Amino acid sequence: MVKTGSRALAFALGCVLAGAATAAALADTSAGLIQLDVRVEAARSIRLVADAANGGLELQRAGRPVVDFTAERIAALPRQTIKLTQKTGRGDETAEWSGPLLWDALVAAGVIEADKHAEHVRMVLRARGRDGYVVTLSLSELSPELEGKSVIIATQRDGAALADRSLRLVVPGDRRAGRAVRDLVNITVE
């Protein structure tokens, strides 16, 4: 942590804008103490926001290149509709969600191989929203040969498109919707 005032703050902001992976600064200003501790991949984050604004999604298997899965590719997959009642801060809410199965998107993007069942039991995926919210699922939960849970990449709620062409990860069976990810932008399989 650098403690040299506004120069450190300017340096850290410059690093972020230049695409540095980590920047940190501590500045003493007349308004008080400001701490900046930023851990970003600036160029990647900018691209994620742009892709999400276009209704797209980044899919990746760890150690392999990212696949930009466009809104058109998502729309071309078979759709599923599921009706869920889940507990929220406002009480129980029931909604009908529509979109392709996450499994189908991962297979179509070439991120996983559908017939490698032995791999699926030891793999997990991380789904990340634009706001940085991250959840995990076991790939064996999704595999039709194992649990076969109908996790979907929702593009619609109650028959209407989600705002701003955003995507939402919807996990049936979760009573509190803790693994629902709003503004889904990235899924990485490990």
Protein backbone atom coordinates (compact mmCIF):
# COMPACT_ATOMS: atom_id res chain seq x y z
CA MET A 1 0.00 0.00 0.00
CA VAL A 2 1.45 3.37 -1.05
CA LYS A 3 0.98 6.27 1.40
CA THR A 4 2.11 9.36 -0.51
CA GLY A 5 -1.13 11.31 -0.90
CA SER A 6 -2.75 12.52 -4.09
CA ARG A 7 0.15 11.39 -6.30
CA ALA A 8 -0.50 7.79 -5.24
CA LEU A 9 -4.19 8.23 -5.93
CA ALA A 10 -3.46 9.61 -9.41
CA PHE A 11 -0.98 6.79 -10.06
CA ALA A 12 -3.51 4.13 -9.00
CA LEU A 13 -6.21 5.63 -11.21
CA GLY A 14 -3.73 5.74 -14.10
CA CYS A 15 -2.94 2.07 -13.59
CA VAL A 16 -6.63 1.19 -13.69
CA LEU A 17 -7.15 3.18 -16.89
CA ALA A 18 -4.08 1.56 -18.44
CA GLY A 19 -5.45 -1.91 -17.68
CA ALA A 20 -3.26 -2.91 -14.75
CA ALA A 21 -4.44 -5.88 -12.75
CA THR A 22 -4.08 -4.28 -9.32
CA ALA A 23 -3.65 -0.75 -8.05
CA ALA A 24 -3.75 0.60 -4.53
CA ALA A 25 -3.38 4.03 -2.94
CA LEU A 26 -4.01 5.91 0.25
CA ALA A 27 -4.61 9.67 0.05
CA ASP A 28 -4.96 12.24 2.83
CA THR A 29 -7.22 15.05 1.66
CA SER A 30 -8.87 18.00 3.38
CA ALA A 31 -12.10 15.97 3.38
CA GLY A 32 -10.41 13.17 5.29
CA LEU A 33 -8.69 9.93 4.47
CA ILE A 34 -9.50 8.22 1.14
CA GLN A 35 -8.43 4.67 0.49
CA LEU A 36 -8.49 3.30 -3.02
CA ASP A 37 -7.92 -0.41 -3.40
CA VAL A 38 -8.86 -1.49 -6.90
CA ARG A 39 -8.44 -4.97 -8.31
CA VAL A 40 -9.64 -4.97 -11.88
CA GLU A 41 -8.83 -6.15 -15.31
CA ALA A 42 -9.85 -2.84 -16.87
CA ALA A 43 -9.85 -3.80 -20.55
CA ARG A 44 -11.68 -7.07 -19.81
CA SER A 45 -14.24 -5.33 -17.60
CA ILE A 46 -14.96 -2.74 -20.27
CA ARG A 47 -15.48 -5.52 -22.82
CA LEU A 48 -17.76 -7.43 -20.43
CA VAL A 49 -19.97 -4.38 -19.97
CA ALA A 50 -20.11 -3.83 -23.74
CA ASP A 51 -21.01 -7.49 -24.40
CA ALA A 52 -23.67 -7.47 -21.71
CA ALA A 53 -25.18 -4.30 -23.14
CA ASN A 54 -25.62 -6.19 -26.42
CA GLY A 55 -27.28 -9.16 -24.71
CA GLY A 56 -24.16 -11.33 -25.00
CA LEU A 57 -22.28 -13.50 -22.56
CA GLU A 58 -18.68 -14.60 -22.13
CA LEU A 59 -18.23 -18.35 -21.73
CA GLN A 60 -14.88 -19.88 -20.88
CA ARG A 61 -13.21 -23.04 -19.75
CA ALA A 62 -10.24 -22.24 -17.52
CA GLY A 63 -7.02 -22.18 -19.54
CA ARG A 64 -8.81 -21.79 -22.87
CA PRO A 65 -9.81 -18.71 -24.88
CA VAL A 66 -13.01 -16.84 -24.02
CA VAL A 67 -16.00 -17.49 -26.27
CA ASP A 68 -18.15 -14.41 -26.89
CA PHE A 69 -21.61 -15.99 -26.98
CA THR A 70 -23.74 -13.37 -28.73
CA ALA A 71 -27.39 -12.57 -28.15
CA GLU A 72 -28.14 -14.15 -31.54
CA ARG A 73 -26.49 -17.44 -30.50
CA ILE A 74 -28.41 -17.41 -27.22
CA ALA A 75 -31.68 -16.79 -29.09
CA ALA A 76 -30.95 -19.67 -31.51
CA LEU A 77 -30.85 -22.28 -28.71
CA PRO A 78 -34.00 -24.20 -27.71
CA ARG A 79 -35.95 -22.33 -25.03
CA GLN A 80 -37.21 -23.66 -21.72
CA THR A 81 -39.83 -22.01 -19.53
CA ILE A 82 -39.89 -22.66 -15.80
CA LYS A 83 -42.23 -21.32 -13.14
CA LEU A 84 -40.61 -20.73 -9.76
CA THR A 85 -41.73 -19.49 -6.37
CA GLN A 86 -38.81 -18.21 -4.34
CA LYS A 87 -38.36 -16.32 -1.09
CA THR A 88 -37.19 -12.74 -1.48
CA GLY A 89 -36.85 -9.71 0.79
CA ARG A 90 -40.42 -8.89 -0.25
CA GLY A 91 -41.80 -12.35 0.61
CA ASP A 92 -42.55 -15.24 -1.74
CA GLU A 93 -42.50 -14.29 -5.42
CA THR A 94 -43.65 -16.42 -8.32
CA ALA A 95 -42.35 -15.78 -11.81
CA GLU A 96 -42.13 -17.58 -15.12
CA TRP A 97 -38.63 -17.47 -16.61
CA SER A 98 -37.72 -18.36 -20.22
CA GLY A 99 -34.40 -18.93 -21.96
CA PRO A 100 -32.01 -21.65 -23.05
CA LEU A 101 -30.57 -24.24 -20.72
CA LEU A 102 -27.14 -23.27 -19.44
CA TRP A 103 -25.97 -26.80 -20.33
CA ASP A 104 -26.96 -26.28 -23.98
CA ALA A 105 -25.06 -22.98 -24.15
CA LEU A 106 -21.90 -24.51 -22.67
CA VAL A 107 -22.03 -27.40 -25.17
CA ALA A 108 -22.83 -25.12 -28.15
CA ALA A 109 -19.92 -22.83 -27.26
CA GLY A 110 -17.53 -25.79 -27.04
CA VAL A 111 -16.74 -25.03 -23.41
CA ILE A 112 -17.63 -28.58 -22.34
CA GLU A 113 -17.97 -31.91 -24.08
CA ALA A 114 -21.38 -33.47 -23.39
CA ASP A 115 -20.14 -37.07 -23.47
CA LYS A 116 -17.29 -36.70 -20.92
CA HIS A 117 -19.37 -37.60 -17.87
CA ALA A 118 -16.38 -38.50 -15.69
CA GLU A 119 -15.10 -34.91 -16.09
CA HIS A 120 -18.42 -33.36 -15.14
CA VAL A 121 -18.46 -34.72 -11.59
CA ARG A 122 -15.28 -32.89 -10.65
CA MET A 123 -15.91 -29.59 -12.45
CA VAL A 124 -17.52 -26.39 -11.19
CA LEU A 125 -18.59 -23.22 -12.87
CA ARG A 126 -18.53 -19.65 -11.68
CA ALA A 127 -21.25 -17.33 -12.96
CA ARG A 128 -20.61 -13.61 -12.60
CA GLY A 129 -22.93 -10.64 -12.87
CA ARG A 130 -22.01 -7.17 -14.09
CA ASP A 131 -21.97 -6.00 -10.45
CA GLY A 132 -19.33 -8.62 -9.53
CA TYR A 133 -21.76 -11.00 -7.79
CA VAL A 134 -20.44 -14.55 -8.23
CA VAL A 135 -22.09 -17.93 -7.64
CA THR A 136 -20.91 -21.47 -8.20
CA LEU A 137 -22.60 -24.62 -9.44
CA SER A 138 -21.31 -28.12 -9.90
CA LEU A 139 -21.28 -29.18 -13.54
CA SER A 140 -22.81 -32.49 -12.43
CA GLU A 141 -25.92 -30.53 -11.35
CA LEU A 142 -26.42 -29.49 -14.99
CA SER A 143 -25.43 -32.68 -16.82
CA PRO A 144 -28.45 -34.52 -18.26
CA GLU A 145 -26.65 -37.79 -17.46
CA LEU A 146 -26.29 -36.85 -13.79
CA GLU A 147 -28.71 -34.50 -11.94
CA GLY A 148 -29.99 -32.74 -15.07
CA LYS A 149 -31.16 -29.58 -13.28
CA SER A 150 -32.85 -27.15 -15.68
CA VAL A 151 -30.68 -24.11 -14.96
CA ILE A 152 -31.47 -21.49 -17.58
CA ILE A 153 -30.01 -18.31 -18.98
CA ALA A 154 -33.22 -16.31 -18.77
CA THR A 155 -33.94 -13.71 -21.41
CA GLN A 156 -37.58 -13.23 -20.36
CA ARG A 157 -39.61 -12.94 -17.17
CA ASP A 158 -43.37 -13.47 -17.31
CA GLY A 159 -43.28 -13.29 -21.12
CA ALA A 160 -41.47 -9.94 -21.35
CA ALA A 161 -37.83 -9.43 -22.32
CA LEU A 162 -35.55 -8.52 -19.43
CA ALA A 163 -34.60 -4.83 -19.26
CA ASP A 164 -31.69 -3.70 -21.43
CA ARG A 165 -31.39 -7.13 -23.07
CA SER A 166 -29.81 -8.36 -19.84
CA LEU A 167 -29.51 -12.03 -18.92
CA ARG A 168 -30.28 -13.76 -15.63
CA LEU A 169 -29.09 -17.11 -14.36
CA VAL A 170 -32.09 -18.93 -12.88
CA VAL A 171 -31.51 -22.02 -10.70
CA PRO A 172 -34.65 -24.05 -9.93
CA GLY A 173 -34.81 -25.64 -6.51
CA ASP A 174 -33.06 -22.78 -4.70
CA ARG A 175 -35.68 -21.53 -2.22
CA ARG A 176 -34.05 -18.14 -1.71
CA ALA A 177 -32.75 -17.51 -5.25
CA GLY A 178 -29.24 -17.11 -3.80
CA ARG A 179 -27.66 -18.44 -6.99
CA ALA A 180 -29.74 -16.27 -9.31
CA VAL A 181 -27.37 -13.86 -11.05
CA ARG A 182 -28.77 -10.63 -12.48
CA ASP A 183 -27.03 -9.01 -15.46
CA LEU A 184 -25.10 -12.21 -16.15
CA VAL A 185 -21.91 -11.43 -18.12
CA ASN A 186 -19.47 -14.31 -17.61
CA ILE A 187 -19.41 -18.03 -16.90
CA THR A 188 -16.13 -19.85 -16.34
CA VAL A 189 -15.87 -23.65 -16.06
CA GLU A 190 -12.99 -25.06 -14.01
